[in-house]
Amino acid sequence: MSARRVARLSSSAFVVGSLTLALIVAVLISGFASPSPDGLEHVARTVGFEHTAQAHPLGGGPFADYTVAALQSPAQSQVLVGVAGCAATFIAAWLLSLVVRRRR
């Protein structure tokens, strides 16, 4: 019996591949996002307490309601917000990995 060598994937290849896949999903799948209200909004309407909702202090932010006010196209807006979300998640995960490595 011969020992079979398993090719190892480098950390950087994994990160680049994962980020690429996430960006592809964000760009291609964002067009299929549901225009329906999210779960909390649906329950608020169904139960009857949606009138108690208050404006959020960041409700006028650059990505409010998953749109970019400066863009006229809703599709482009969704793609940009999806890419920005991927980038923010990637940066947060990278910073967390730096903190965890330093503690070891």
PDB file of N, CA and C in Angstrom:
ATOM      1  N   MET A   1       0.837  -1.184   0.000  1.00  0.00           N
ATOM      2  CA  MET A   1       0.000   0.000   0.000  1.00  0.00           C
ATOM      3  C   MET A   1       0.879   1.243   0.000  1.00  0.00           C
ATOM      4  N   SER A   2       0.545   2.145  -0.838  1.00  0.00           N
ATOM      5  CA  SER A   2       1.322   3.377  -0.872  1.00  0.00           C
ATOM      6  C   SER A   2       0.551   4.471  -0.144  1.00  0.00           C
ATOM      7  N   ALA A   3       1.306   5.266   0.558  1.00  0.00           N
ATOM      8  CA  ALA A   3       0.680   6.382   1.267  1.00  0.00           C
ATOM      9  C   ALA A   3       0.332   7.460   0.250  1.00  0.00           C
ATOM     10  N   ARG A   4      -0.869   7.892   0.301  1.00  0.00           N
ATOM     11  CA  ARG A   4      -1.322   8.913  -0.637  1.00  0.00           C
ATOM     12  C   ARG A   4      -1.114  10.283  -0.020  1.00  0.00           C
ATOM     13  N   ARG A   5      -0.470  11.151  -0.750  1.00  0.00           N
ATOM     14  CA  ARG A   5      -0.233  12.510  -0.259  1.00  0.00           C
ATOM     15  C   ARG A   5      -1.445  13.382  -0.577  1.00  0.00           C
ATOM     16  N   VAL A   6      -1.842  14.109   0.389  1.00  0.00           N
ATOM     17  CA  VAL A   6      -2.959  15.018   0.221  1.00  0.00           C
ATOM     18  C   VAL A   6      -2.401  16.425   0.089  1.00  0.00           C
ATOM     19  N   ALA A   7      -2.768  17.078  -0.986  1.00  0.00           N
ATOM     20  CA  ALA A   7      -2.300  18.450  -1.201  1.00  0.00           C
ATOM     21  C   ALA A   7      -2.960  19.367  -0.182  1.00  0.00           C
ATOM     22  N   ARG A   8      -2.164  20.194   0.436  1.00  0.00           N
ATOM     23  CA  ARG A   8      -2.690  21.148   1.419  1.00  0.00           C
ATOM     24  C   ARG A   8      -2.940  22.479   0.746  1.00  0.00           C
ATOM     25  N   LEU A   9      -4.010  23.088   1.136  1.00  0.00           N
ATOM     26  CA  LEU A   9      -4.372  24.392   0.618  1.00  0.00           C
ATOM     27  C   LEU A   9      -3.763  25.447   1.534  1.00  0.00           C
ATOM     28  N   SER A  10      -3.043  26.387   0.968  1.00  0.00           N
ATOM     29  CA  SER A  10      -2.430  27.422   1.802  1.00  0.00           C
ATOM     30  C   SER A  10      -3.498  28.350   2.361  1.00  0.00           C
ATOM     31  N   SER A  11      -3.155  29.016   3.432  1.00  0.00           N
ATOM     32  CA  SER A  11      -4.099  29.954   4.066  1.00  0.00           C
ATOM     33  C   SER A  11      -4.500  31.064   3.114  1.00  0.00           C
ATOM     34  N   SER A  12      -3.523  31.599   2.405  1.00  0.00           N
ATOM     35  CA  SER A  12      -3.833  32.715   1.499  1.00  0.00           C
ATOM     36  C   SER A  12      -4.716  32.251   0.341  1.00  0.00           C
ATOM     37  N   ALA A  13      -4.489  31.043  -0.167  1.00  0.00           N
ATOM     38  CA  ALA A  13      -5.335  30.526  -1.246  1.00  0.00           C
ATOM     39  C   ALA A  13      -6.762  30.320  -0.745  1.00  0.00           C
ATOM     40  N   PHE A  14      -6.889  29.845   0.494  1.00  0.00           N
ATOM     41  CA  PHE A  14      -8.217  29.652   1.077  1.00  0.00           C
ATOM     42  C   PHE A  14      -8.936  30.992   1.230  1.00  0.00           C
ATOM     43  N   VAL A  15      -8.238  31.993   1.736  1.00  0.00           N
ATOM     44  CA  VAL A  15      -8.843  33.310   1.948  1.00  0.00           C
ATOM     45  C   VAL A  15      -9.255  33.932   0.615  1.00  0.00           C
ATOM     46  N   VAL A  16      -8.364  33.886  -0.358  1.00  0.00           N
ATOM     47  CA  VAL A  16      -8.665  34.475  -1.666  1.00  0.00           C
ATOM     48  C   VAL A  16      -9.835  33.738  -2.319  1.00  0.00           C
ATOM     49  N   GLY A  17      -9.823  32.415  -2.256  1.00  0.00           N
ATOM     50  CA  GLY A  17     -10.911  31.631  -2.833  1.00  0.00           C
ATOM     51  C   GLY A  17     -12.235  31.894  -2.148  1.00  0.00           C
ATOM     52  N   SER A  18     -12.215  31.962  -0.817  1.00  0.00           N
ATOM     53  CA  SER A  18     -13.440  32.214  -0.055  1.00  0.00           C
ATOM     54  C   SER A  18     -13.995  33.605  -0.341  1.00  0.00           C
ATOM     55  N   LEU A  19     -13.117  34.589  -0.368  1.00  0.00           N
ATOM     56  CA  LEU A  19     -13.557  35.955  -0.641  1.00  0.00           C
ATOM     57  C   LEU A  19     -14.108  36.068  -2.058  1.00  0.00           C
ATOM     58  N   THR A  20     -13.460  35.418  -3.001  1.00  0.00           N
ATOM     59  CA  THR A  20     -13.935  35.430  -4.384  1.00  0.00           C
ATOM     60  C   THR A  20     -15.321  34.801  -4.478  1.00  0.00           C
ATOM     61  N   LEU A  21     -15.500  33.666  -3.833  1.00  0.00           N
ATOM     62  CA  LEU A  21     -16.807  32.999  -3.849  1.00  0.00           C
ATOM     63  C   LEU A  21     -17.877  33.879  -3.204  1.00  0.00           C
ATOM     64  N   ALA A  22     -17.551  34.504  -2.083  1.00  0.00           N
ATOM     65  CA  ALA A  22     -18.513  35.382  -1.406  1.00  0.00           C
ATOM     66  C   ALA A  22     -18.895  36.565  -2.296  1.00  0.00           C
ATOM     67  N   LEU A  23     -17.920  37.136  -2.980  1.00  0.00           N
ATOM     68  CA  LEU A  23     -18.214  38.271  -3.860  1.00  0.00           C
ATOM     69  C   LEU A  23     -19.061  37.836  -5.054  1.00  0.00           C
ATOM     70  N   ILE A  24     -18.780  36.655  -5.599  1.00  0.00           N
ATOM     71  CA  ILE A  24     -19.588  36.151  -6.717  1.00  0.00           C
ATOM     72  C   ILE A  24     -21.033  35.962  -6.267  1.00  0.00           C
ATOM     73  N   VAL A  25     -21.211  35.373  -5.093  1.00  0.00           N
ATOM     74  CA  VAL A  25     -22.563  35.175  -4.568  1.00  0.00           C
ATOM     75  C   VAL A  25     -23.242  36.530  -4.331  1.00  0.00           C
ATOM     76  N   ALA A  26     -22.509  37.480  -3.754  1.00  0.00           N
ATOM     77  CA  ALA A  26     -23.091  38.797  -3.477  1.00  0.00           C
ATOM     78  C   ALA A  26     -23.521  39.492  -4.766  1.00  0.00           C
ATOM     79  N   VAL A  27     -22.725  39.361  -5.812  1.00  0.00           N
ATOM     80  CA  VAL A  27     -23.038  40.040  -7.068  1.00  0.00           C
ATOM     81  C   VAL A  27     -24.155  39.326  -7.826  1.00  0.00           C
ATOM     82  N   LEU A  28     -24.085  38.006  -7.906  1.00  0.00           N
ATOM     83  CA  LEU A  28     -25.045  37.274  -8.724  1.00  0.00           C
ATOM     84  C   LEU A  28     -26.366  36.971  -8.011  1.00  0.00           C
ATOM     85  N   ILE A  29     -26.309  36.711  -6.721  1.00  0.00           N
ATOM     86  CA  ILE A  29     -27.498  36.293  -5.995  1.00  0.00           C
ATOM     87  C   ILE A  29     -28.273  37.485  -5.427  1.00  0.00           C
ATOM     88  N   SER A  30     -27.635  38.628  -5.286  1.00  0.00           N
ATOM     89  CA  SER A  30     -28.318  39.773  -4.669  1.00  0.00           C
ATOM     90  C   SER A  30     -29.560  40.198  -5.448  1.00  0.00           C
ATOM     91  N   GLY A  31     -29.599  39.932  -6.726  1.00  0.00           N
ATOM     92  CA  GLY A  31     -30.771  40.279  -7.530  1.00  0.00           C
ATOM     93  C   GLY A  31     -32.005  39.464  -7.175  1.00  0.00           C
ATOM     94  N   PHE A  32     -31.783  38.335  -6.484  1.00  0.00           N
ATOM     95  CA  PHE A  32     -32.903  37.480  -6.101  1.00  0.00           C
ATOM     96  C   PHE A  32     -33.371  37.747  -4.670  1.00  0.00           C
ATOM     97  N   ALA A  33     -32.860  38.800  -4.052  1.00  0.00           N
ATOM     98  CA  ALA A  33     -33.263  39.131  -2.685  1.00  0.00           C
ATOM     99  C   ALA A  33     -34.757  39.434  -2.658  1.00  0.00           C
ATOM    100  N   SER A  34     -35.400  39.006  -1.608  1.00  0.00           N
ATOM    101  CA  SER A  34     -36.843  39.171  -1.506  1.00  0.00           C
ATOM    102  C   SER A  34     -37.206  40.621  -1.195  1.00  0.00           C
ATOM    103  N   PRO A  35     -38.172  41.165  -1.914  1.00  0.00           N
ATOM    104  CA  PRO A  35     -38.637  42.514  -1.602  1.00  0.00           C
ATOM    105  C   PRO A  35     -39.613  42.514  -0.420  1.00  0.00           C
ATOM    106  N   SER A  36     -39.984  41.323   0.045  1.00  0.00           N
ATOM    107  CA  SER A  36     -40.912  41.217   1.168  1.00  0.00           C
ATOM    108  C   SER A  36     -40.244  41.692   2.453  1.00  0.00           C
ATOM    109  N   PRO A  37     -41.043  42.094   3.440  1.00  0.00           N
ATOM    110  CA  PRO A  37     -40.455  42.530   4.704  1.00  0.00           C
ATOM    111  C   PRO A  37     -39.755  41.377   5.412  1.00  0.00           C
ATOM    112  N   ASP A  38     -38.776  41.711   6.232  1.00  0.00           N
ATOM    113  CA  ASP A  38     -38.070  40.656   6.970  1.00  0.00           C
ATOM    114  C   ASP A  38     -38.993  40.086   8.054  1.00  0.00           C
ATOM    115  N   GLY A  39     -38.502  39.096   8.776  1.00  0.00           N
ATOM    116  CA  GLY A  39     -39.322  38.390   9.758  1.00  0.00           C
ATOM    117  C   GLY A  39     -39.913  39.289  10.823  1.00  0.00           C
ATOM    118  N   LEU A  40     -39.104  40.186  11.378  1.00  0.00           N
ATOM    119  CA  LEU A  40     -39.591  41.058  12.440  1.00  0.00           C
ATOM    120  C   LEU A  40     -40.666  42.011  11.922  1.00  0.00           C
ATOM    121  N   GLU A  41     -40.453  42.567  10.736  1.00  0.00           N
ATOM    122  CA  GLU A  41     -41.462  43.464  10.169  1.00  0.00           C
ATOM    123  C   GLU A  41     -42.769  42.709   9.895  1.00  0.00           C
ATOM    124  N   HIS A  42     -42.652  41.481   9.408  1.00  0.00           N
ATOM    125  CA  HIS A  42     -43.844  40.673   9.124  1.00  0.00           C
ATOM    126  C   HIS A  42     -44.624  40.381  10.413  1.00  0.00           C
ATOM    127  N   VAL A  43     -43.922  39.994  11.470  1.00  0.00           N
ATOM    128  CA  VAL A  43     -44.580  39.713  12.747  1.00  0.00           C
ATOM    129  C   VAL A  43     -45.216  40.981  13.296  1.00  0.00           C
ATOM    130  N   ALA A  44     -44.522  42.114  13.177  1.00  0.00           N
ATOM    131  CA  ALA A  44     -45.075  43.376  13.671  1.00  0.00           C
ATOM    132  C   ALA A  44     -46.383  43.715  12.962  1.00  0.00           C
ATOM    133  N   ARG A  45     -46.431  43.476  11.652  1.00  0.00           N
ATOM    134  CA  ARG A  45     -47.667  43.740  10.908  1.00  0.00           C
ATOM    135  C   ARG A  45     -48.755  42.747  11.286  1.00  0.00           C
ATOM    136  N   THR A  46     -48.373  41.475  11.398  1.00  0.00           N
ATOM    137  CA  THR A  46     -49.349  40.432  11.696  1.00  0.00           C
ATOM    138  C   THR A  46     -49.946  40.604  13.088  1.00  0.00           C
ATOM    139  N   VAL A  47     -49.106  40.886  14.066  1.00  0.00           N
ATOM    140  CA  VAL A  47     -49.561  41.005  15.455  1.00  0.00           C
ATOM    141  C   VAL A  47     -50.173  42.377  15.708  1.00  0.00           C
ATOM    142  N   GLY A  48     -49.743  43.385  14.945  1.00  0.00           N
ATOM    143  CA  GLY A  48     -50.361  44.696  15.056  1.00  0.00           C
ATOM    144  C   GLY A  48     -49.599  45.710  15.882  1.00  0.00           C
ATOM    145  N   PHE A  49     -48.289  45.545  16.001  1.00  0.00           N
ATOM    146  CA  PHE A  49     -47.545  46.561  16.745  1.00  0.00           C
ATOM    147  C   PHE A  49     -46.553  47.315  15.870  1.00  0.00           C
ATOM    148  N   GLU A  50     -46.749  47.307  14.561  1.00  0.00           N
ATOM    149  CA  GLU A  50     -45.821  48.017  13.680  1.00  0.00           C
ATOM    150  C   GLU A  50     -45.900  49.532  13.875  1.00  0.00           C
ATOM    151  N   HIS A  51     -47.011  50.028  14.380  1.00  0.00           N
ATOM    152  CA  HIS A  51     -47.157  51.468  14.618  1.00  0.00           C
ATOM    153  C   HIS A  51     -46.251  51.971  15.746  1.00  0.00           C
ATOM    154  N   THR A  52     -45.696  51.059  16.553  1.00  0.00           N
ATOM    155  CA  THR A  52     -44.809  51.470  17.641  1.00  0.00           C
ATOM    156  C   THR A  52     -43.363  51.614  17.191  1.00  0.00           C
ATOM    157  N   ALA A  53     -43.076  51.301  15.938  1.00  0.00           N
ATOM    158  CA  ALA A  53     -41.699  51.387  15.429  1.00  0.00           C
ATOM    159  C   ALA A  53     -41.218  52.837  15.452  1.00  0.00           C
ATOM    160  N   GLN A  54     -39.942  52.992  15.749  1.00  0.00           N
ATOM    161  CA  GLN A  54     -39.329  54.313  15.770  1.00  0.00           C
ATOM    162  C   GLN A  54     -38.187  54.342  14.773  1.00  0.00           C
ATOM    163  N   ALA A  55     -37.884  55.524  14.287  1.00  0.00           N
ATOM    164  CA  ALA A  55     -36.776  55.678  13.345  1.00  0.00           C
ATOM    165  C   ALA A  55     -35.461  55.371  14.058  1.00  0.00           C
ATOM    166  N   HIS A  56     -34.601  54.660  13.377  1.00  0.00           N
ATOM    167  CA  HIS A  56     -33.281  54.338  13.931  1.00  0.00           C
ATOM    168  C   HIS A  56     -32.348  55.513  13.675  1.00  0.00           C
ATOM    169  N   PRO A  57     -31.437  55.815  14.619  1.00  0.00           N
ATOM    170  CA  PRO A  57     -30.523  56.946  14.420  1.00  0.00           C
ATOM    171  C   PRO A  57     -29.680  56.816  13.148  1.00  0.00           C
ATOM    172  N   LEU A  58     -29.400  55.581  12.715  1.00  0.00           N
ATOM    173  CA  LEU A  58     -28.607  55.384  11.501  1.00  0.00           C
ATOM    174  C   LEU A  58     -29.483  55.092  10.286  1.00  0.00           C
ATOM    175  N   GLY A  59     -30.779  55.345  10.417  1.00  0.00           N
ATOM    176  CA  GLY A  59     -31.713  55.068   9.335  1.00  0.00           C
ATOM    177  C   GLY A  59     -31.449  55.860   8.071  1.00  0.00           C
ATOM    178  N   GLY A  60     -30.742  56.929   8.161  1.00  0.00           N
ATOM    179  CA  GLY A  60     -30.404  57.723   6.982  1.00  0.00           C
ATOM    180  C   GLY A  60     -28.991  57.472   6.508  1.00  0.00           C
ATOM    181  N   GLY A  61     -28.384  56.370   6.971  1.00  0.00           N
ATOM    182  CA  GLY A  61     -27.001  56.048   6.615  1.00  0.00           C
ATOM    183  C   GLY A  61     -26.839  55.707   5.143  1.00  0.00           C
ATOM    184  N   PRO A  62     -25.600  55.498   4.727  1.00  0.00           N
ATOM    185  CA  PRO A  62     -25.328  55.271   3.304  1.00  0.00           C
ATOM    186  C   PRO A  62     -25.929  53.982   2.750  1.00  0.00           C
ATOM    187  N   PHE A  63     -26.192  52.987   3.598  1.00  0.00           N
ATOM    188  CA  PHE A  63     -26.760  51.721   3.123  1.00  0.00           C
ATOM    189  C   PHE A  63     -28.117  51.434   3.749  1.00  0.00           C
ATOM    190  N   ALA A  64     -28.859  52.476   4.089  1.00  0.00           N
ATOM    191  CA  ALA A  64     -30.177  52.298   4.710  1.00  0.00           C
ATOM    192  C   ALA A  64     -31.086  51.509   3.780  1.00  0.00           C
ATOM    193  N   ASP A  65     -31.805  50.550   4.330  1.00  0.00           N
ATOM    194  CA  ASP A  65     -32.709  49.677   3.568  1.00  0.00           C
ATOM    195  C   ASP A  65     -31.980  48.948   2.438  1.00  0.00           C
ATOM    196  N   TYR A  66     -30.722  48.665   2.632  1.00  0.00           N
ATOM    197  CA  TYR A  66     -29.909  47.916   1.667  1.00  0.00           C
ATOM    198  C   TYR A  66     -29.879  48.580   0.299  1.00  0.00           C
ATOM    199  N   THR A  67     -29.852  49.902   0.297  1.00  0.00           N
ATOM    200  CA  THR A  67     -29.768  50.649  -0.953  1.00  0.00           C
ATOM    201  C   THR A  67     -28.720  51.743  -0.819  1.00  0.00           C
ATOM    202  N   VAL A  68     -28.308  52.273  -1.954  1.00  0.00           N
ATOM    203  CA  VAL A  68     -27.389  53.400  -1.996  1.00  0.00           C
ATOM    204  C   VAL A  68     -28.147  54.532  -2.681  1.00  0.00           C
ATOM    205  N   ALA A  69     -28.410  55.578  -1.937  1.00  0.00           N
ATOM    206  CA  ALA A  69     -29.244  56.670  -2.448  1.00  0.00           C
ATOM    207  C   ALA A  69     -28.648  57.319  -3.702  1.00  0.00           C
ATOM    208  N   ALA A  70     -27.335  57.342  -3.819  1.00  0.00           N
ATOM    209  CA  ALA A  70     -26.689  58.007  -4.948  1.00  0.00           C
ATOM    210  C   ALA A  70     -26.868  57.232  -6.255  1.00  0.00           C
ATOM    211  N   LEU A  71     -27.221  55.959  -6.181  1.00  0.00           N
ATOM    212  CA  LEU A  71     -27.392  55.160  -7.389  1.00  0.00           C
ATOM    213  C   LEU A  71     -28.859  55.107  -7.788  1.00  0.00           C
ATOM    214  N   GLN A  72     -29.124  55.282  -9.061  1.00  0.00           N
ATOM    215  CA  GLN A  72     -30.500  55.256  -9.564  1.00  0.00           C
ATOM    216  C   GLN A  72     -31.002  53.830  -9.779  1.00  0.00           C
ATOM    217  N   SER A  73     -30.092  52.922 -10.092  1.00  0.00           N
ATOM    218  CA  SER A  73     -30.475  51.542 -10.402  1.00  0.00           C
ATOM    219  C   SER A  73     -30.551  50.701  -9.125  1.00  0.00           C
ATOM    220  N   PRO A  74     -31.717  50.127  -8.826  1.00  0.00           N
ATOM    221  CA  PRO A  74     -31.822  49.264  -7.644  1.00  0.00           C
ATOM    222  C   PRO A  74     -30.906  48.047  -7.722  1.00  0.00           C
ATOM    223  N   ALA A  75     -30.700  47.509  -8.923  1.00  0.00           N
ATOM    224  CA  ALA A  75     -29.829  46.341  -9.082  1.00  0.00           C
ATOM    225  C   ALA A  75     -28.382  46.703  -8.742  1.00  0.00           C
ATOM    226  N   GLN A  76     -27.905  47.825  -9.251  1.00  0.00           N
ATOM    227  CA  GLN A  76     -26.540  48.265  -8.944  1.00  0.00           C
ATOM    228  C   GLN A  76     -26.400  48.557  -7.450  1.00  0.00           C
ATOM    229  N   SER A  77     -27.428  49.113  -6.874  1.00  0.00           N
ATOM    230  CA  SER A  77     -27.426  49.430  -5.453  1.00  0.00           C
ATOM    231  C   SER A  77     -27.296  48.166  -4.615  1.00  0.00           C
ATOM    232  N   GLN A  78     -28.073  47.126  -4.964  1.00  0.00           N
ATOM    233  CA  GLN A  78     -28.005  45.861  -4.235  1.00  0.00           C
ATOM    234  C   GLN A  78     -26.637  45.224  -4.357  1.00  0.00           C
ATOM    235  N   VAL A  79     -26.062  45.261  -5.551  1.00  0.00           N
ATOM    236  CA  VAL A  79     -24.738  44.678  -5.763  1.00  0.00           C
ATOM    237  C   VAL A  79     -23.703  45.418  -4.924  1.00  0.00           C
ATOM    238  N   LEU A  80     -23.744  46.749  -4.934  1.00  0.00           N
ATOM    239  CA  LEU A  80     -22.778  47.529  -4.171  1.00  0.00           C
ATOM    240  C   LEU A  80     -22.898  47.259  -2.676  1.00  0.00           C
ATOM    241  N   VAL A  81     -24.110  47.177  -2.178  1.00  0.00           N
ATOM    242  CA  VAL A  81     -24.314  46.885  -0.759  1.00  0.00           C
ATOM    243  C   VAL A  81     -23.834  45.473  -0.432  1.00  0.00           C
ATOM    244  N   GLY A  82     -24.069  44.515  -1.325  1.00  0.00           N
ATOM    245  CA  GLY A  82     -23.589  43.148  -1.115  1.00  0.00           C
ATOM    246  C   GLY A  82     -22.071  43.076  -1.076  1.00  0.00           C
ATOM    247  N   VAL A  83     -21.419  43.766  -1.979  1.00  0.00           N
ATOM    248  CA  VAL A  83     -19.952  43.792  -2.007  1.00  0.00           C
ATOM    249  C   VAL A  83     -19.409  44.485  -0.757  1.00  0.00           C
ATOM    250  N   ALA A  84     -20.043  45.579  -0.358  1.00  0.00           N
ATOM    251  CA  ALA A  84     -19.605  46.285   0.853  1.00  0.00           C
ATOM    252  C   ALA A  84     -19.787  45.399   2.090  1.00  0.00           C
ATOM    253  N   GLY A  85     -20.878  44.635   2.136  1.00  0.00           N
ATOM    254  CA  GLY A  85     -21.102  43.716   3.245  1.00  0.00           C
ATOM    255  C   GLY A  85     -20.055  42.621   3.294  1.00  0.00           C
ATOM    256  N   CYS A  86     -19.704  42.077   2.128  1.00  0.00           N
ATOM    257  CA  CYS A  86     -18.643  41.057   2.064  1.00  0.00           C
ATOM    258  C   CYS A  86     -17.323  41.637   2.537  1.00  0.00           C
ATOM    259  N   ALA A  87     -17.005  42.829   2.079  1.00  0.00           N
ATOM    260  CA  ALA A  87     -15.744  43.463   2.472  1.00  0.00           C
ATOM    261  C   ALA A  87     -15.713  43.725   3.983  1.00  0.00           C
ATOM    262  N   ALA A  88     -16.808  44.222   4.531  1.00  0.00           N
ATOM    263  CA  ALA A  88     -16.854  44.500   5.969  1.00  0.00           C
ATOM    264  C   ALA A  88     -16.728  43.218   6.780  1.00  0.00           C
ATOM    265  N   THR A  89     -17.394  42.157   6.339  1.00  0.00           N
ATOM    266  CA  THR A  89     -17.304  40.873   7.037  1.00  0.00           C
ATOM    267  C   THR A  89     -15.902  40.309   6.947  1.00  0.00           C
ATOM    268  N   PHE A  90     -15.286  40.402   5.784  1.00  0.00           N
ATOM    269  CA  PHE A  90     -13.916  39.916   5.598  1.00  0.00           C
ATOM    270  C   PHE A  90     -12.954  40.674   6.501  1.00  0.00           C
ATOM    271  N   ILE A  91     -13.065  41.979   6.543  1.00  0.00           N
ATOM    272  CA  ILE A  91     -12.171  42.792   7.377  1.00  0.00           C
ATOM    273  C   ILE A  91     -12.379  42.465   8.854  1.00  0.00           C
ATOM    274  N   ALA A  92     -13.621  42.312   9.278  1.00  0.00           N
ATOM    275  CA  ALA A  92     -13.894  41.970  10.683  1.00  0.00           C
ATOM    276  C   ALA A  92     -13.310  40.603  11.036  1.00  0.00           C
ATOM    277  N   ALA A  93     -13.459  39.627  10.145  1.00  0.00           N
ATOM    278  CA  ALA A  93     -12.906  38.296  10.399  1.00  0.00           C
ATOM    279  C   ALA A  93     -11.389  38.331  10.428  1.00  0.00           C
ATOM    280  N   TRP A  94     -10.793  39.101   9.548  1.00  0.00           N
ATOM    281  CA  TRP A  94      -9.330  39.221   9.509  1.00  0.00           C
ATOM    282  C   TRP A  94      -8.807  39.868  10.792  1.00  0.00           C
ATOM    283  N   LEU A  95      -9.465  40.933  11.242  1.00  0.00           N
ATOM    284  CA  LEU A  95      -9.045  41.583  12.485  1.00  0.00           C
ATOM    285  C   LEU A  95      -9.214  40.641  13.680  1.00  0.00           C
ATOM    286  N   LEU A  96     -10.306  39.894  13.704  1.00  0.00           N
ATOM    287  CA  LEU A  96     -10.514  38.925  14.771  1.00  0.00           C
ATOM    288  C   LEU A  96      -9.428  37.852  14.759  1.00  0.00           C
ATOM    289  N   SER A  97      -9.026  37.410  13.580  1.00  0.00           N
ATOM    290  CA  SER A  97      -7.959  36.399  13.503  1.00  0.00           C
ATOM    291  C   SER A  97      -6.638  36.954  14.013  1.00  0.00           C
ATOM    292  N   LEU A  98      -6.387  38.235  13.787  1.00  0.00           N
ATOM    293  CA  LEU A  98      -5.161  38.849  14.321  1.00  0.00           C
ATOM    294  C   LEU A  98      -5.178  38.870  15.849  1.00  0.00           C
ATOM    295  N   VAL A  99      -6.321  39.199  16.424  1.00  0.00           N
ATOM    296  CA  VAL A  99      -6.451  39.231  17.881  1.00  0.00           C
ATOM    297  C   VAL A  99      -6.265  37.837  18.461  1.00  0.00           C
ATOM    298  N   VAL A 100      -6.891  36.845  17.841  1.00  0.00           N
ATOM    299  CA  VAL A 100      -6.785  35.472  18.340  1.00  0.00           C
ATOM    300  C   VAL A 100      -5.354  34.964  18.238  1.00  0.00           C
ATOM    301  N   ARG A 101      -4.663  35.269  17.141  1.00  0.00           N
ATOM    302  CA  ARG A 101      -3.255  34.831  16.984  1.00  0.00           C
ATOM    303  C   ARG A 101      -2.356  35.443  18.033  1.00  0.00           C
ATOM    304  N   ARG A 102      -2.581  36.696  18.350  1.00  0.00           N
ATOM    305  CA  ARG A 102      -1.720  37.372  19.340  1.00  0.00           C
ATOM    306  C   ARG A 102      -1.908  36.821  20.731  1.00  0.00           C
ATOM    307  N   ARG A 103      -3.107  36.334  21.035  1.00  0.00           N
ATOM    308  CA  ARG A 103      -3.361  35.780  22.371  1.00  0.00           C
ATOM    309  C   ARG A 103      -2.660  34.439  22.559  1.00  0.00           C
ATOM    310  N   ARG A 104      -2.420  33.722  21.494  1.00  0.00           N
ATOM    311  CA  ARG A 104      -1.748  32.428  21.593  1.00  0.00           C
ATOM    312  C   ARG A 104      -0.307  32.674  21.848  1.00  0.00           C
TER     313      ARG A 104
END
